[in-house]
Amino acid sequence: MGTSRCKRLYNAALEGADSAPVDLRFLQRPFSDKKGKKGDDVRSDVASYLAQLYESVAEVLPDVRDDAFDSFPSSSSSVPGALKDAYSIELNNQARAASGPASSEPKLLLAEKTRKPRKMRGAIKLNSDRLAGPHEGAKEIRKLPPGAMKEFWEQYRLVSALEEPVWVADFSFLQFRERGQHAQCSTCVRHRTMIRHLGGHLAARRQQLRLFHRHLQDQYQDRMLYWELRGLSRSKGNLITCICDGMDQGKWEIPRDPVLKGKDFASFQGVRMHISCCVVHGRLILFAVSSPDTKKDGNASIEILSCAFTILQKQGLCLPATHVVLQHDNTCREFKNNNGLRWACAQVSAHNVKSITCQYLRTGHTHEDIDQIFGSLSKHLLRRRTLETPEDVVATIKDFLAKSKFPFEAERHVVMMDSVREWIFGL
């Protein structure tokens, strides 16, 4: 027994205490960060942060098979590949045939394969109420950009020993994409390469890590600004936030039919339709379908925005008193060009809107909520075995919007954009 402990016991005996003073060395203490925040508060902050990543950054993986399938499974799943074991099914059928109709149900020779929900991942117990799967109320699997959870920890600056259990236990449906599925940020690739090759130079490696973490923090701050403006737009005040993007053309090649899988059509060149989307948060979702010979430049982006503004005006929104925030990809092909800026200046100078703010996320970090819509639409496309005309494409998108749940955007439109005007001549 140490001197200090013996002294506390001696003083307690002199004071007539009913019990010995508590030895705090043998009590289990909660986790706390450097600022003294308790473990429960840290865990709730981590869960809130991961939920924000799931709702905004992660997306439904759009890289699904684009072929038209001859048959679909009888289960509720629309994606082939989740079929049962054909070998066990055949053995069970033979056992039923050999037993005869008069006998009772025969004993199955081989049980069909069933996948039980996972309960543990390493030493961490998974939360059974927050697992992905086909059961009702299960979370949909969404993919984060290629990387590791440590990078998101660096963005949030929390205790690493606490965040990973929260991610594994409560957010098992939040996964990472494969690195070969989408283009990566060039800045991230450059920093990772230099960090990997500077193992023998600790000072230089430490500097590269600092620059890499600063880059991740900067792009996260950009996203937080967009999320804040999105929340203000959903409150339906005098500010609207629009995000526009285009979908992968390869998924909308027509005609689409199981017959075209034959060898005779191996060299057949289909027509790839252009699908663009404009989401006015809290107001509407607008899809524009155009043919390959329609221009896909800044004028097309202006046409879609003008159509969206017309719909907003019909809704009764007072555009002259509304602040508009436009979010586009960081490329000059769409809106970051002279045509887009001149159109924005013309709208403000003509008092059609009060102000327009143009924002662009960093290249390589542009996957947002609109890409989740594209991923869900790609999965919905698997249910359509035939697509022959542009009208079929429009009907497919309308069916998707009618069946999808968008709690903030009640009004949905699909338009056919046959031509694009040269907006630069009229400004």
Protein backbone atom coordinates (compact mmCIF):
# COMPACT_ATOMS: atom_id res chain seq x y z
CA MET A 1 0.00 0.00 0.00
CA GLY A 2 1.32 3.38 -0.93
CA THR A 3 1.89 6.29 1.42
CA SER A 4 -0.90 8.47 -0.04
CA ARG A 5 -3.44 5.65 0.15
CA CYS A 6 -2.47 4.87 3.71
CA LYS A 7 -2.81 8.54 4.64
CA ARG A 8 -6.35 8.75 3.15
CA LEU A 9 -7.39 5.66 5.09
CA TYR A 10 -5.90 7.07 8.30
CA ASN A 11 -7.69 10.41 7.86
CA ALA A 12 -10.99 8.65 7.12
CA ALA A 13 -10.64 6.60 10.32
CA LEU A 14 -9.94 9.73 12.37
CA GLU A 15 -12.99 11.48 10.87
CA GLY A 16 -15.22 8.50 11.69
CA ALA A 17 -16.16 7.69 8.08
CA ASP A 18 -18.57 4.80 7.52
CA SER A 19 -16.43 3.25 4.76
CA ALA A 20 -13.02 3.54 3.26
CA PRO A 21 -12.48 6.20 0.57
CA VAL A 22 -12.85 5.01 -3.01
CA ASP A 23 -9.67 4.04 -4.83
CA LEU A 24 -10.16 5.70 -8.22
CA ARG A 25 -7.38 3.66 -9.80
CA PHE A 26 -9.62 0.59 -10.10
CA LEU A 27 -12.71 2.29 -11.55
CA GLN A 28 -13.56 1.99 -15.27
CA ARG A 29 -13.46 5.45 -16.80
CA PRO A 30 -15.34 6.46 -19.99
CA PHE A 31 -13.49 7.49 -23.12
CA SER A 32 -12.80 11.17 -23.43
CA ASP A 33 -11.16 13.29 -26.09
CA LYS A 34 -8.52 15.93 -25.54
CA LYS A 35 -11.13 18.55 -24.70
CA GLY A 36 -12.69 16.43 -21.95
CA LYS A 37 -15.81 15.37 -23.85
CA LYS A 38 -17.36 12.18 -22.44
CA GLY A 39 -17.44 8.93 -24.38
CA ASP A 40 -21.20 8.98 -25.00
CA ASP A 41 -21.03 12.46 -26.48
CA VAL A 42 -18.10 11.48 -28.70
CA ARG A 43 -19.94 8.37 -29.87
CA SER A 44 -23.05 10.40 -30.75
CA ASP A 45 -20.92 12.92 -32.63
CA VAL A 46 -19.25 10.12 -34.59
CA ALA A 47 -22.61 8.56 -35.42
CA SER A 48 -23.93 11.93 -36.59
CA TYR A 49 -20.82 12.47 -38.74
CA LEU A 50 -21.08 9.01 -40.33
CA ALA A 51 -24.79 9.52 -40.96
CA GLN A 52 -23.93 12.73 -42.80
CA LEU A 53 -21.44 10.83 -44.95
CA TYR A 54 -24.06 8.18 -45.68
CA GLU A 55 -26.73 10.68 -46.71
CA SER A 56 -24.55 13.02 -48.77
CA VAL A 57 -21.14 11.62 -49.75
CA ALA A 58 -21.79 7.89 -50.15
CA GLU A 59 -23.74 6.79 -53.21
CA VAL A 60 -25.57 3.77 -54.51
CA LEU A 61 -22.93 2.08 -56.64
CA PRO A 62 -23.91 2.85 -60.23
CA ASP A 63 -21.59 0.23 -61.75
CA VAL A 64 -24.21 -2.44 -62.29
CA ARG A 65 -24.56 -4.75 -65.26
CA ASP A 66 -26.25 -3.05 -68.18
CA ASP A 67 -27.22 -6.13 -70.20
CA ALA A 68 -30.82 -7.13 -70.68
CA PHE A 69 -31.35 -10.43 -68.91
CA ASP A 70 -33.40 -13.30 -70.26
CA SER A 71 -34.97 -14.14 -66.92
CA PHE A 72 -35.13 -12.77 -63.42
CA PRO A 73 -35.29 -14.55 -60.09
CA SER A 74 -38.70 -15.02 -58.56
CA SER A 75 -37.69 -13.29 -55.35
CA SER A 76 -38.15 -9.60 -54.69
CA SER A 77 -34.56 -8.88 -55.71
CA SER A 78 -34.33 -7.56 -59.26
CA VAL A 79 -30.62 -8.10 -59.73
CA PRO A 80 -29.56 -11.53 -61.01
CA GLY A 81 -26.79 -13.17 -59.07
CA ALA A 82 -28.67 -13.83 -55.83
CA LEU A 83 -29.97 -17.17 -57.17
CA LYS A 84 -30.17 -20.24 -54.97
CA ASP A 85 -27.82 -23.18 -55.25
CA ALA A 86 -28.90 -25.11 -58.37
CA TYR A 87 -27.10 -28.28 -57.23
CA SER A 88 -29.03 -28.53 -53.95
CA ILE A 89 -32.31 -27.73 -55.70
CA GLU A 90 -31.83 -30.60 -58.17
CA LEU A 91 -30.98 -33.09 -55.42
CA ASN A 92 -34.06 -32.07 -53.46
CA ASN A 93 -36.26 -32.47 -56.53
CA GLN A 94 -34.91 -35.99 -57.11
CA ALA A 95 -35.58 -36.88 -53.47
CA ARG A 96 -39.20 -35.71 -53.76
CA ALA A 97 -39.72 -37.67 -57.01
CA ALA A 98 -38.29 -40.89 -55.56
CA SER A 99 -40.46 -40.74 -52.44
CA GLY A 100 -43.72 -40.86 -54.43
CA PRO A 101 -46.85 -38.76 -54.01
CA ALA A 102 -48.34 -40.88 -51.22
CA SER A 103 -45.50 -40.50 -48.79
CA SER A 104 -44.99 -37.60 -46.51
CA GLU A 105 -42.55 -34.83 -47.24
CA PRO A 106 -39.11 -36.47 -47.74
CA LYS A 107 -36.07 -35.45 -45.87
CA LEU A 108 -34.01 -33.09 -47.94
CA LEU A 109 -30.65 -34.50 -49.03
CA LEU A 110 -28.92 -31.16 -49.05
CA ALA A 111 -30.18 -28.02 -47.42
CA GLU A 112 -30.34 -24.98 -49.62
CA LYS A 113 -27.75 -22.41 -48.83
CA THR A 114 -28.89 -19.61 -46.59
CA ARG A 115 -26.81 -16.70 -45.44
CA LYS A 116 -27.26 -15.79 -41.81
CA PRO A 117 -26.74 -12.20 -40.75
CA ARG A 118 -23.28 -11.52 -39.45
CA LYS A 119 -23.09 -10.87 -35.70
CA MET A 120 -19.41 -10.14 -35.14
CA ARG A 121 -16.62 -8.52 -37.12
CA GLY A 122 -13.44 -9.35 -35.34
CA ALA A 123 -13.87 -8.39 -31.69
CA ILE A 124 -16.64 -5.86 -32.42
CA LYS A 125 -20.29 -6.85 -32.02
CA LEU A 126 -22.48 -5.64 -34.87
CA ASN A 127 -25.75 -3.88 -34.17
CA SER A 128 -28.41 -6.26 -35.51
CA ASP A 129 -30.89 -3.39 -35.95
CA ARG A 130 -28.58 -1.54 -38.35
CA LEU A 131 -27.49 -4.21 -40.82
CA ALA A 132 -27.91 -4.14 -44.58
CA GLY A 133 -30.07 -6.81 -46.17
CA PRO A 134 -33.37 -7.61 -47.84
CA HIS A 135 -35.44 -7.51 -44.65
CA GLU A 136 -37.82 -4.65 -43.97
CA GLY A 137 -36.25 -1.55 -42.50
CA ALA A 138 -32.71 -2.56 -43.52
CA LYS A 139 -30.31 0.12 -44.67
CA GLU A 140 -29.26 0.36 -48.30
CA ILE A 141 -25.58 -0.30 -49.00
CA ARG A 142 -23.84 2.82 -50.23
CA LYS A 143 -20.26 3.34 -51.31
CA LEU A 144 -17.80 5.98 -50.19
CA PRO A 145 -15.02 7.19 -52.51
CA PRO A 146 -11.94 4.94 -52.61
CA GLY A 147 -9.82 5.29 -49.50
CA ALA A 148 -9.76 4.30 -45.85
CA MET A 149 -11.68 5.31 -42.74
CA LYS A 150 -8.53 6.89 -41.35
CA GLU A 151 -8.86 9.67 -43.93
CA PHE A 152 -12.34 10.52 -42.66
CA TRP A 153 -11.02 10.38 -39.12
CA GLU A 154 -8.39 12.93 -40.08
CA GLN A 155 -11.14 15.16 -41.41
CA TYR A 156 -13.15 15.00 -38.23
CA ARG A 157 -10.27 14.92 -35.71
CA LEU A 158 -11.78 12.45 -33.28
CA VAL A 159 -10.38 9.63 -31.22
CA SER A 160 -9.42 6.85 -33.65
CA ALA A 161 -9.93 4.13 -31.05
CA LEU A 162 -13.59 5.06 -30.75
CA GLU A 163 -14.62 5.91 -34.29
CA GLU A 164 -13.81 2.58 -35.93
CA PRO A 165 -16.03 0.52 -33.55
CA VAL A 166 -18.91 2.92 -34.26
CA TRP A 167 -18.39 2.55 -38.01
CA VAL A 168 -18.12 -1.25 -37.88
CA ALA A 169 -20.93 -1.86 -35.39
CA ASP A 170 -23.58 0.67 -36.49
CA PHE A 171 -22.63 1.57 -40.08
CA SER A 172 -21.72 -1.76 -41.70
CA PHE A 173 -23.78 -0.67 -44.73
CA LEU A 174 -21.32 2.20 -45.35
CA GLN A 175 -18.56 0.75 -47.51
CA PHE A 176 -15.81 1.89 -49.87
CA ARG A 177 -15.80 1.69 -53.63
CA GLU A 178 -13.13 -0.20 -55.49
CA ARG A 179 -10.36 2.04 -56.73
CA GLY A 180 -10.81 1.05 -60.37
CA GLN A 181 -14.46 2.05 -60.67
CA HIS A 182 -14.17 5.85 -60.86
CA ALA A 183 -11.44 8.38 -61.49
CA GLN A 184 -9.67 9.51 -58.35
CA CYS A 185 -8.56 12.93 -57.23
CA SER A 186 -5.15 13.69 -58.76
CA THR A 187 -4.06 15.60 -55.66
CA CYS A 188 -4.90 12.64 -53.40
CA VAL A 189 -3.05 10.21 -55.68
CA ARG A 190 0.02 12.47 -55.76
CA HIS A 191 0.14 12.82 -51.97
CA ARG A 192 -0.39 9.08 -51.39
CA THR A 193 2.37 8.21 -53.86
CA MET A 194 4.87 10.58 -52.25
CA ILE A 195 4.00 9.37 -48.75
CA ARG A 196 4.51 5.76 -49.83
CA HIS A 197 7.94 6.49 -51.33
CA LEU A 198 9.23 8.69 -48.51
CA GLY A 199 9.60 5.92 -45.95
CA GLY A 200 13.28 6.76 -45.41
CA HIS A 201 12.75 10.51 -44.98
CA LEU A 202 10.64 11.06 -41.89
CA ALA A 203 10.61 14.86 -42.05
CA ALA A 204 9.52 14.94 -45.68
CA ARG A 205 6.95 12.20 -45.06
CA ARG A 206 5.52 14.13 -42.11
CA GLN A 207 5.21 17.24 -44.29
CA GLN A 208 3.42 15.31 -47.03
CA LEU A 209 1.02 13.85 -44.47
CA ARG A 210 0.27 17.35 -43.21
CA LEU A 211 -0.43 18.60 -46.74
CA PHE A 212 -2.58 15.55 -47.53
CA HIS A 213 -4.66 16.01 -44.39
CA ARG A 214 -5.07 19.71 -45.15
CA HIS A 215 -6.35 18.82 -48.64
CA LEU A 216 -8.88 16.39 -47.16
CA GLN A 217 -9.98 18.97 -44.61
CA ASP A 218 -10.41 21.65 -47.28
CA GLN A 219 -12.58 19.50 -49.51
CA TYR A 220 -14.67 18.50 -46.48
CA GLN A 221 -15.22 22.16 -45.63
CA ASP A 222 -16.43 22.70 -49.22
CA ARG A 223 -18.93 19.88 -48.79
CA MET A 224 -20.13 21.27 -45.47
CA LEU A 225 -20.85 24.61 -47.15
CA TYR A 226 -22.97 22.85 -49.77
CA TRP A 227 -24.80 20.81 -47.09
CA GLU A 228 -25.59 23.98 -45.16
CA LEU A 229 -27.03 25.68 -48.25
CA ARG A 230 -28.98 22.53 -49.10
CA GLY A 231 -30.57 22.58 -45.65
CA LEU A 232 -31.52 26.25 -46.06
CA SER A 233 -33.08 25.48 -49.45
CA ARG A 234 -35.15 22.65 -47.99
CA SER A 235 -36.57 25.05 -45.40
CA LYS A 236 -38.30 26.81 -48.36
CA GLY A 237 -37.22 30.33 -47.55
CA ASN A 238 -35.86 32.96 -49.92
CA LEU A 239 -32.86 30.81 -50.93
CA ILE A 240 -32.79 27.85 -53.34
CA THR A 241 -29.87 25.52 -54.00
CA CYS A 242 -29.65 23.73 -57.37
CA ILE A 243 -27.25 20.92 -58.21
CA CYS A 244 -26.90 19.73 -61.81
CA ASP A 245 -24.99 16.81 -63.30
CA GLY A 246 -25.08 14.31 -66.15
CA MET A 247 -25.41 10.53 -65.99
CA ASP A 248 -23.16 7.92 -67.58
CA GLN A 249 -24.17 7.60 -71.23
CA GLY A 250 -23.19 3.94 -71.46
CA LYS A 251 -26.16 2.89 -69.34
CA TRP A 252 -28.68 4.40 -71.77
CA GLU A 253 -27.67 2.80 -75.03
CA ILE A 254 -30.69 1.99 -77.21
CA PRO A 255 -32.07 -0.22 -78.62
CA ARG A 256 -31.86 -2.49 -75.60
CA ASP A 257 -33.21 -6.01 -76.06
CA PRO A 258 -32.18 -9.60 -75.15
CA VAL A 259 -32.02 -10.43 -78.86
CA LEU A 260 -29.10 -8.03 -79.29
CA LYS A 261 -26.89 -10.29 -77.16
CA GLY A 262 -26.50 -12.61 -80.13
CA LYS A 263 -23.26 -12.85 -82.01
CA ASP A 264 -24.85 -11.38 -85.12
CA PHE A 265 -25.19 -8.07 -83.28
CA ALA A 266 -21.68 -8.06 -81.76
CA SER A 267 -20.61 -5.12 -83.94
CA PHE A 268 -23.93 -3.30 -83.69
CA GLN A 269 -23.50 0.32 -82.66
CA GLY A 270 -26.32 1.61 -80.49
CA VAL A 271 -27.39 5.15 -79.72
CA ARG A 272 -26.35 6.54 -76.34
CA MET A 273 -28.89 8.93 -74.90
CA HIS A 274 -27.81 11.88 -72.77
CA ILE A 275 -29.45 12.05 -69.34
CA SER A 276 -29.04 15.16 -67.21
CA CYS A 277 -30.61 15.99 -63.87
CA CYS A 278 -31.26 19.19 -61.94
CA VAL A 279 -32.26 18.93 -58.29
CA VAL A 280 -33.72 22.07 -56.70
CA HIS A 281 -33.57 21.03 -53.06
CA GLY A 282 -36.91 21.26 -51.34
CA ARG A 283 -38.71 22.09 -54.60
CA LEU A 284 -38.38 19.72 -57.56
CA ILE A 285 -36.35 17.17 -59.53
CA LEU A 286 -35.96 17.71 -63.27
CA PHE A 287 -34.57 15.14 -65.73
CA ALA A 288 -33.66 16.16 -69.29
CA VAL A 289 -33.32 13.51 -72.01
CA SER A 290 -31.52 14.40 -75.24
CA SER A 291 -30.21 12.55 -78.28
CA PRO A 292 -26.49 12.19 -79.07
CA ASP A 293 -26.63 14.85 -81.80
CA THR A 294 -27.87 17.48 -79.31
CA LYS A 295 -25.14 19.75 -78.00
CA LYS A 296 -23.94 18.96 -74.51
CA ASP A 297 -22.19 22.18 -73.53
CA GLY A 298 -22.85 25.26 -71.45
CA ASN A 299 -25.93 26.09 -73.52
CA ALA A 300 -27.51 22.76 -72.54
CA SER A 301 -26.91 23.52 -68.86
CA ILE A 302 -28.55 26.93 -69.31
CA GLU A 303 -31.56 25.33 -71.01
CA ILE A 304 -32.08 22.95 -68.07
CA LEU A 305 -31.74 25.75 -65.50
CA SER A 306 -34.14 27.96 -67.45
CA CYS A 307 -36.68 25.14 -67.54
CA ALA A 308 -36.28 24.64 -63.79
CA PHE A 309 -36.76 28.38 -63.15
CA THR A 310 -39.93 28.32 -65.23
CA ILE A 311 -41.33 25.47 -63.14
CA LEU A 312 -40.41 27.31 -59.94
CA GLN A 313 -42.22 30.40 -61.17
CA LYS A 314 -45.32 28.31 -61.89
CA GLN A 315 -45.13 26.97 -58.34
CA GLY A 316 -45.59 30.52 -57.08
CA LEU A 317 -42.02 31.22 -55.98
CA CYS A 318 -41.09 34.90 -56.16
CA LEU A 319 -37.81 34.63 -58.06
CA PRO A 320 -36.94 38.38 -57.98
CA ALA A 321 -36.66 38.08 -54.19
CA THR A 322 -34.83 34.73 -54.20
CA HIS A 323 -31.13 34.02 -53.80
CA VAL A 324 -29.97 31.19 -56.08
CA VAL A 325 -26.99 28.90 -55.41
CA LEU A 326 -25.81 26.79 -58.37
CA GLN A 327 -23.67 23.70 -57.79
CA HIS A 328 -22.00 22.15 -60.86
CA ASP A 329 -19.05 19.95 -61.67
CA ASN A 330 -15.68 21.69 -61.72
CA THR A 331 -15.35 21.61 -65.51
CA CYS A 332 -15.68 24.22 -68.24
CA ARG A 333 -17.83 21.91 -70.38
CA GLU A 334 -21.01 22.45 -68.37
CA PHE A 335 -21.47 25.77 -66.59
CA LYS A 336 -18.05 27.05 -65.60
CA ASN A 337 -17.60 29.04 -68.82
CA ASN A 338 -18.42 32.38 -70.43
CA ASN A 339 -21.94 31.33 -71.41
CA GLY A 340 -22.87 30.31 -67.88
CA LEU A 341 -21.42 33.41 -66.24
CA ARG A 342 -23.01 35.76 -68.79
CA TRP A 343 -26.39 34.07 -68.30
CA ALA A 344 -26.10 34.39 -64.51
CA CYS A 345 -25.18 38.08 -64.78
CA ALA A 346 -28.07 38.69 -67.19
CA GLN A 347 -30.58 37.10 -64.81
CA VAL A 348 -29.45 39.31 -61.92
CA SER A 349 -29.25 42.50 -64.00
CA ALA A 350 -32.74 41.89 -65.41
CA HIS A 351 -34.05 41.41 -61.83
CA ASN A 352 -35.27 37.90 -62.63
CA VAL A 353 -33.51 36.71 -59.46
CA LYS A 354 -32.00 38.63 -56.59
CA SER A 355 -28.56 37.00 -56.74
CA ILE A 356 -26.79 33.94 -58.16
CA THR A 357 -23.84 32.18 -56.51
CA CYS A 358 -21.88 29.62 -58.54
CA GLN A 359 -20.04 26.92 -56.56
CA TYR A 360 -17.85 24.06 -57.75
CA LEU A 361 -16.49 21.22 -55.63
CA ARG A 362 -12.89 20.16 -56.04
CA THR A 363 -12.17 17.83 -58.93
CA GLY A 364 -12.24 14.23 -57.72
CA HIS A 365 -14.46 15.07 -54.74
CA THR A 366 -17.71 15.86 -56.56
CA HIS A 367 -19.83 12.79 -55.73
CA GLU A 368 -22.89 14.12 -53.95
CA ASP A 369 -26.57 13.35 -53.41
CA ILE A 370 -27.37 13.67 -57.12
CA ASP A 371 -25.05 10.72 -57.81
CA GLN A 372 -27.13 8.67 -55.37
CA ILE A 373 -30.13 9.36 -57.59
CA PHE A 374 -28.18 8.18 -60.63
CA GLY A 375 -27.15 4.99 -58.85
CA SER A 376 -30.72 4.20 -57.84
CA LEU A 377 -31.87 4.88 -61.40
CA SER A 378 -29.23 2.45 -62.71
CA LYS A 379 -30.59 -0.29 -60.47
CA HIS A 380 -34.13 0.52 -61.57
CA LEU A 381 -33.00 0.22 -65.19
CA LEU A 382 -32.31 -3.49 -64.66
CA ARG A 383 -36.05 -4.12 -64.53
CA ARG A 384 -36.49 -2.89 -68.08
CA ARG A 385 -35.50 -5.62 -70.55
CA THR A 386 -36.32 -3.58 -73.66
CA LEU A 387 -35.70 0.04 -74.56
CA GLU A 388 -36.24 0.90 -78.19
CA THR A 389 -37.01 4.61 -78.49
CA PRO A 390 -36.26 7.82 -76.59
CA GLU A 391 -39.89 7.76 -75.44
CA ASP A 392 -39.15 4.46 -73.67
CA VAL A 393 -36.25 6.15 -71.87
CA VAL A 394 -38.53 8.97 -70.73
CA ALA A 395 -41.15 6.46 -69.56
CA THR A 396 -38.51 4.52 -67.58
CA ILE A 397 -37.33 7.65 -65.77
CA LYS A 398 -40.92 8.68 -65.02
CA ASP A 399 -41.61 5.25 -63.56
CA PHE A 400 -38.50 5.54 -61.41
CA LEU A 401 -39.49 8.97 -60.09
CA ALA A 402 -43.02 7.76 -59.33
CA LYS A 403 -41.77 4.81 -57.27
CA SER A 404 -38.84 6.52 -55.52
CA LYS A 405 -39.08 8.29 -52.19
CA PHE A 406 -37.73 11.82 -52.13
CA PRO A 407 -39.14 13.40 -48.96
CA PHE A 408 -38.17 16.97 -49.82
CA GLU A 409 -38.81 17.14 -53.57
CA ALA A 410 -42.47 16.34 -54.18
CA GLU A 411 -42.61 17.62 -57.76
CA ARG A 412 -40.74 15.61 -60.42
CA HIS A 413 -40.50 16.27 -64.16
CA VAL A 414 -38.94 14.58 -67.19
CA VAL A 415 -38.55 16.60 -70.40
CA MET A 416 -37.26 15.75 -73.85
CA MET A 417 -34.64 18.30 -74.91
CA ASP A 418 -34.65 18.12 -78.72
CA SER A 419 -32.56 21.24 -79.40
CA VAL A 420 -30.39 23.76 -77.60
CA ARG A 421 -30.31 27.48 -78.24
CA GLU A 422 -27.18 29.60 -78.50
CA TRP A 423 -27.66 31.67 -75.38
CA ILE A 424 -24.56 33.78 -75.90
CA PHE A 425 -26.14 35.63 -78.83
CA GLY A 426 -29.18 36.74 -76.84
CA LEU A 427 -27.31 38.12 -73.81
